[in-house]
Amino acid sequence: MRGDVSPDTRDARAAATGAEPGATAGAGPPPPAVLRAVPLLRDLTAERLHAVWHGSVPRRYAAGEVLRAAGEPAGRLLLLLDGRVAATVVSAAGRVVRIGAWPGPCALDKVAVIDGRGHTATFTALTPCTVRSLPRADFLALVDDTAAVRAHVLRTLAAQARDQQTRFARAATLPTAARLAAWLLAEAARLRSRRVPLPGGQQALADQLGVTRVTLNRALSGLRREGVVTYARGTVEIAAPELLALRAAPGAR
């Protein structure tokens, strides 16, 4: 349990003391240049990078620890420098739905920090994570003052809107096997590999696709029987990508 102290309060206390929660004694922080690996900050000048570094607060999270909960005030932008984080929401029926997972380096939940209406999902560390949290005012100043940051935010928001439309369309019109096939193809393209690990296993992927684990298992078993994929130890290997593409677009010719 995280207790009754909010993450931003803990961050503020850490900043006041100069401590880095979870840090190993004697280990110095990495240089501000590591921030350039975050796509949002890639085109900042060295001076702005230093300002972001010194204006942000470091923190480390263990695997399974919640970085931010859905609805919590989004007073700081989380800069994930290392590790992997999953985002989940709870449906009206009480079902936990996984909406995505992101590896560092990246900036998390920019939408919530921009509109100030609370975090859009619960963000949980899948692996040990290194994070710096930047005050909302500092992030908004970057958006206002830096054309490259502003352009990146707009591209991100456009991509998220497009992805959301695609998700809605698939959920409303495609059977589970087609959704699974489309997800496998997208992950294979992202990883540039036919071997696709299931993040968090079948249950996590079922949550992401909006189906039950039993339904997902049936779809996966069907693809295996047809020789389209193989599956072992949490990893799917695409044996016939052309056939998988056909499964992702049922009715296509």
Protein backbone atom coordinates (compact mmCIF):
# COMPACT_ATOMS: atom_id res chain seq x y z
CA MET A 1 0.00 0.00 0.00
CA ARG A 2 1.15 3.53 -0.74
CA GLY A 3 -0.21 5.11 2.44
CA ASP A 4 -1.96 8.45 2.67
CA VAL A 5 0.88 10.63 1.36
CA SER A 6 0.36 11.66 -2.26
CA PRO A 7 3.14 11.07 -4.82
CA ASP A 8 3.56 14.79 -5.41
CA THR A 9 3.97 15.36 -1.65
CA ARG A 10 6.66 12.70 -1.50
CA ASP A 11 8.34 14.25 -4.51
CA ALA A 12 8.30 17.68 -2.87
CA ARG A 13 9.82 16.29 0.33
CA ALA A 14 12.53 14.56 -1.69
CA ALA A 15 13.31 17.79 -3.51
CA ALA A 16 13.52 19.72 -0.26
CA THR A 17 16.00 17.28 1.23
CA GLY A 18 17.93 16.63 -1.94
CA ALA A 19 17.30 12.92 -1.52
CA GLU A 20 16.38 10.50 -4.27
CA PRO A 21 13.86 7.98 -2.92
CA GLY A 22 15.04 4.47 -3.54
CA ALA A 23 18.48 5.54 -4.70
CA THR A 24 21.57 3.56 -3.80
CA ALA A 25 23.81 5.37 -1.35
CA GLY A 26 26.74 6.99 -3.08
CA ALA A 27 25.29 6.61 -6.58
CA GLY A 28 25.40 9.93 -8.42
CA PRO A 29 22.55 11.01 -10.68
CA PRO A 30 22.97 10.70 -14.45
CA PRO A 31 23.73 13.90 -16.36
CA PRO A 32 20.92 16.08 -17.72
CA ALA A 33 21.82 14.83 -21.21
CA VAL A 34 19.86 11.62 -20.51
CA LEU A 35 16.72 13.73 -20.81
CA ARG A 36 17.43 14.14 -24.52
CA ALA A 37 16.45 10.49 -24.99
CA VAL A 38 12.87 11.46 -24.06
CA PRO A 39 11.25 12.26 -27.43
CA LEU A 40 9.39 15.24 -25.98
CA LEU A 41 12.69 16.87 -24.95
CA ARG A 42 14.89 15.76 -27.85
CA ASP A 43 15.25 19.18 -29.48
CA LEU A 44 15.76 21.28 -26.36
CA THR A 45 18.90 23.33 -25.98
CA ALA A 46 21.47 22.26 -23.40
CA GLU A 47 20.37 25.20 -21.26
CA ARG A 48 16.72 24.13 -21.29
CA LEU A 49 17.69 20.52 -20.56
CA HIS A 50 19.59 21.68 -17.49
CA ALA A 51 16.59 23.72 -16.40
CA VAL A 52 14.30 20.68 -16.76
CA TRP A 53 16.78 18.49 -14.89
CA HIS A 54 17.17 20.84 -11.96
CA GLY A 55 13.46 21.67 -11.89
CA SER A 56 12.38 18.01 -11.76
CA VAL A 57 12.38 15.54 -8.89
CA PRO A 58 13.92 12.03 -9.11
CA ARG A 59 12.18 8.89 -7.95
CA ARG A 60 12.50 5.15 -8.42
CA TYR A 61 9.65 2.65 -8.44
CA ALA A 62 9.76 -1.10 -7.90
CA ALA A 63 7.94 -3.48 -10.23
CA GLY A 64 4.26 -3.55 -9.29
CA GLU A 65 4.30 -0.11 -7.65
CA VAL A 66 1.74 2.47 -8.75
CA LEU A 67 3.26 5.67 -10.12
CA ARG A 68 -0.05 7.51 -10.38
CA ALA A 69 -3.68 6.46 -9.92
CA ALA A 70 -6.54 7.36 -12.24
CA GLY A 71 -8.17 10.61 -11.19
CA GLU A 72 -5.26 11.81 -9.04
CA PRO A 73 -4.34 15.47 -9.62
CA ALA A 74 -1.88 15.67 -12.51
CA GLY A 75 0.34 18.34 -11.03
CA ARG A 76 3.55 16.94 -12.50
CA LEU A 77 4.64 15.43 -15.80
CA LEU A 78 6.28 12.04 -15.31
CA LEU A 79 9.43 11.57 -17.38
CA LEU A 80 10.09 7.83 -17.53
CA LEU A 81 13.84 7.49 -18.08
CA ASP A 82 14.12 3.73 -17.68
CA GLY A 83 11.75 0.78 -17.22
CA ARG A 84 8.31 -0.11 -18.53
CA VAL A 85 4.91 1.12 -17.34
CA ALA A 86 1.36 -0.11 -18.00
CA ALA A 87 -1.80 1.98 -17.95
CA THR A 88 -5.15 0.56 -16.82
CA VAL A 89 -8.67 1.87 -16.32
CA VAL A 90 -11.72 0.38 -14.62
CA SER A 91 -14.87 -0.01 -16.72
CA ALA A 92 -18.36 0.85 -15.52
CA ALA A 93 -18.85 -2.87 -14.89
CA GLY A 94 -15.80 -2.96 -12.63
CA ARG A 95 -13.51 -4.69 -15.13
CA VAL A 96 -9.85 -3.65 -15.24
CA VAL A 97 -8.90 -2.81 -18.82
CA ARG A 98 -5.31 -2.37 -19.85
CA ILE A 99 -5.06 0.42 -22.40
CA GLY A 100 -1.36 0.27 -23.11
CA ALA A 101 2.22 -0.19 -21.95
CA TRP A 102 5.19 2.05 -22.62
CA PRO A 103 8.94 1.61 -22.23
CA GLY A 104 11.18 4.46 -21.19
CA PRO A 105 12.39 6.92 -22.16
CA CYS A 106 9.09 8.72 -22.64
CA ALA A 107 6.74 11.26 -21.04
CA LEU A 108 3.61 9.77 -19.46
CA ASP A 109 0.02 11.08 -19.61
CA LYS A 110 0.72 14.47 -21.18
CA VAL A 111 -3.02 14.92 -21.79
CA ALA A 112 -3.81 14.89 -18.06
CA VAL A 113 -1.07 17.38 -17.27
CA ILE A 114 -2.25 19.71 -20.03
CA ASP A 115 -5.94 19.78 -19.12
CA GLY A 116 -5.41 19.49 -15.35
CA ARG A 117 -8.41 17.20 -14.85
CA GLY A 118 -6.63 14.29 -13.19
CA HIS A 119 -4.71 11.31 -14.53
CA THR A 120 -6.50 9.43 -17.30
CA ALA A 121 -5.42 5.98 -16.07
CA THR A 122 -3.55 4.16 -13.33
CA PHE A 123 0.11 3.82 -14.23
CA THR A 124 1.89 0.80 -12.76
CA ALA A 125 5.55 -0.19 -13.05
CA LEU A 126 5.98 -3.47 -14.92
CA THR A 127 9.72 -3.38 -14.21
CA PRO A 128 11.88 -1.23 -11.91
CA CYS A 129 11.53 2.34 -13.18
CA THR A 130 13.54 5.53 -12.95
CA VAL A 131 11.40 8.67 -13.18
CA ARG A 132 11.75 12.41 -12.90
CA SER A 133 8.62 14.48 -12.24
CA LEU A 134 8.42 17.97 -13.74
CA PRO A 135 5.99 20.55 -12.31
CA ARG A 136 2.98 21.20 -14.54
CA ALA A 137 3.80 24.90 -14.84
CA ASP A 138 7.28 24.08 -16.17
CA PHE A 139 5.87 21.65 -18.72
CA LEU A 140 3.25 24.13 -19.93
CA ALA A 141 5.98 26.76 -20.25
CA LEU A 142 7.92 24.39 -22.51
CA VAL A 143 4.81 23.87 -24.64
CA ASP A 144 4.25 27.64 -24.90
CA ASP A 145 7.88 28.62 -25.52
CA THR A 146 9.34 25.77 -27.58
CA ALA A 147 8.01 25.01 -31.05
CA ALA A 148 9.51 21.51 -31.12
CA VAL A 149 7.84 20.55 -27.84
CA ARG A 150 4.53 22.01 -28.99
CA ALA A 151 4.72 20.08 -32.29
CA HIS A 152 5.54 16.84 -30.46
CA VAL A 153 2.55 17.26 -28.14
CA LEU A 154 0.23 17.89 -31.09
CA ARG A 155 1.52 14.82 -32.92
CA THR A 156 1.08 12.73 -29.79
CA LEU A 157 -2.48 13.90 -29.24
CA ALA A 158 -3.36 13.27 -32.89
CA ALA A 159 -1.89 9.76 -32.73
CA GLN A 160 -3.78 9.01 -29.52
CA ALA A 161 -7.05 10.20 -31.04
CA ARG A 162 -6.49 8.06 -34.13
CA ASP A 163 -5.55 5.04 -32.00
CA GLN A 164 -8.65 5.48 -29.87
CA GLN A 165 -10.86 5.57 -32.96
CA THR A 166 -9.20 2.39 -34.22
CA ARG A 167 -9.74 0.67 -30.87
CA PHE A 168 -13.42 1.62 -30.81
CA ALA A 169 -13.91 0.41 -34.38
CA ARG A 170 -12.19 -2.91 -33.69
CA ALA A 171 -14.11 -3.47 -30.46
CA ALA A 172 -17.42 -2.77 -32.18
CA THR A 173 -16.85 -4.63 -35.44
CA LEU A 174 -14.05 -7.20 -35.21
CA PRO A 175 -14.11 -10.63 -33.55
CA THR A 176 -11.47 -11.41 -30.92
CA ALA A 177 -9.26 -13.38 -33.33
CA ALA A 178 -9.05 -10.39 -35.66
CA ARG A 179 -8.23 -8.01 -32.82
CA LEU A 180 -5.55 -10.39 -31.59
CA ALA A 181 -4.08 -10.72 -35.09
CA ALA A 182 -4.00 -6.94 -35.54
CA TRP A 183 -2.29 -6.49 -32.19
CA LEU A 184 0.33 -9.14 -32.98
CA LEU A 185 1.12 -7.56 -36.34
CA ALA A 186 1.45 -4.09 -34.78
CA GLU A 187 3.75 -5.39 -32.03
CA ALA A 188 5.86 -7.37 -34.50
CA ALA A 189 6.30 -4.22 -36.59
CA ARG A 190 7.24 -2.19 -33.53
CA LEU A 191 9.73 -4.80 -32.30
CA ARG A 192 10.93 -5.68 -35.82
CA SER A 193 10.67 -9.31 -34.88
CA ARG A 194 8.33 -12.24 -35.43
CA ARG A 195 8.65 -13.06 -31.73
CA VAL A 196 6.14 -11.06 -29.69
CA PRO A 197 6.14 -11.33 -25.89
CA LEU A 198 2.77 -10.96 -24.20
CA PRO A 199 3.13 -8.09 -21.69
CA GLY A 200 1.92 -9.43 -18.38
CA GLY A 201 0.73 -12.68 -19.94
CA GLN A 202 -2.64 -13.57 -21.44
CA GLN A 203 -4.68 -11.80 -18.75
CA ALA A 204 -3.01 -8.44 -19.40
CA LEU A 205 -3.48 -8.78 -23.15
CA ALA A 206 -7.12 -9.81 -22.66
CA ASP A 207 -7.64 -6.67 -20.59
CA GLN A 208 -6.03 -4.58 -23.33
CA LEU A 209 -8.22 -6.10 -26.05
CA GLY A 210 -11.33 -5.80 -23.89
CA VAL A 211 -12.14 -9.52 -23.72
CA THR A 212 -11.95 -12.26 -21.10
CA ARG A 213 -8.89 -14.45 -20.75
CA VAL A 214 -10.92 -17.48 -21.79
CA THR A 215 -11.99 -15.73 -25.00
CA LEU A 216 -8.42 -14.65 -25.75
CA ASN A 217 -7.12 -18.17 -25.11
CA ARG A 218 -9.64 -19.60 -27.57
CA ALA A 219 -8.57 -17.12 -30.24
CA LEU A 220 -4.89 -17.83 -29.63
CA SER A 221 -5.49 -21.58 -29.70
CA GLY A 222 -7.33 -21.20 -33.00
CA LEU A 223 -4.38 -19.38 -34.58
CA ARG A 224 -2.06 -22.09 -33.28
CA ARG A 225 -4.19 -24.91 -34.72
CA GLU A 226 -4.17 -23.18 -38.11
CA GLY A 227 -0.37 -22.96 -38.01
CA VAL A 228 -0.40 -19.16 -38.10
CA VAL A 229 1.45 -18.74 -34.79
CA THR A 230 3.24 -20.77 -32.15
CA TYR A 231 3.09 -19.97 -28.45
CA ALA A 232 5.38 -20.89 -25.59
CA ARG A 233 6.43 -19.30 -22.28
CA GLY A 234 4.52 -16.08 -22.76
CA THR A 235 5.84 -15.40 -26.27
CA VAL A 236 3.99 -15.70 -29.57
CA GLU A 237 6.01 -16.39 -32.70
CA ILE A 238 4.37 -15.48 -35.99
CA ALA A 239 4.84 -18.43 -38.35
CA ALA A 240 2.75 -17.13 -41.26
CA PRO A 241 2.54 -13.31 -41.31
CA GLU A 242 0.55 -13.24 -44.55
CA LEU A 243 -2.14 -15.48 -43.08
CA LEU A 244 -2.11 -13.46 -39.87
CA ALA A 245 -2.74 -10.31 -41.90
CA LEU A 246 -5.78 -11.98 -43.45
CA ARG A 247 -7.06 -12.91 -39.98
CA ALA A 248 -6.69 -9.26 -38.95
CA ALA A 249 -8.99 -8.14 -41.75
CA PRO A 250 -11.83 -10.67 -41.98
CA GLY A 251 -13.79 -10.32 -45.21
CA ALA A 252 -10.93 -8.57 -47.01
CA ARG A 253 -9.89 -9.83 -50.44
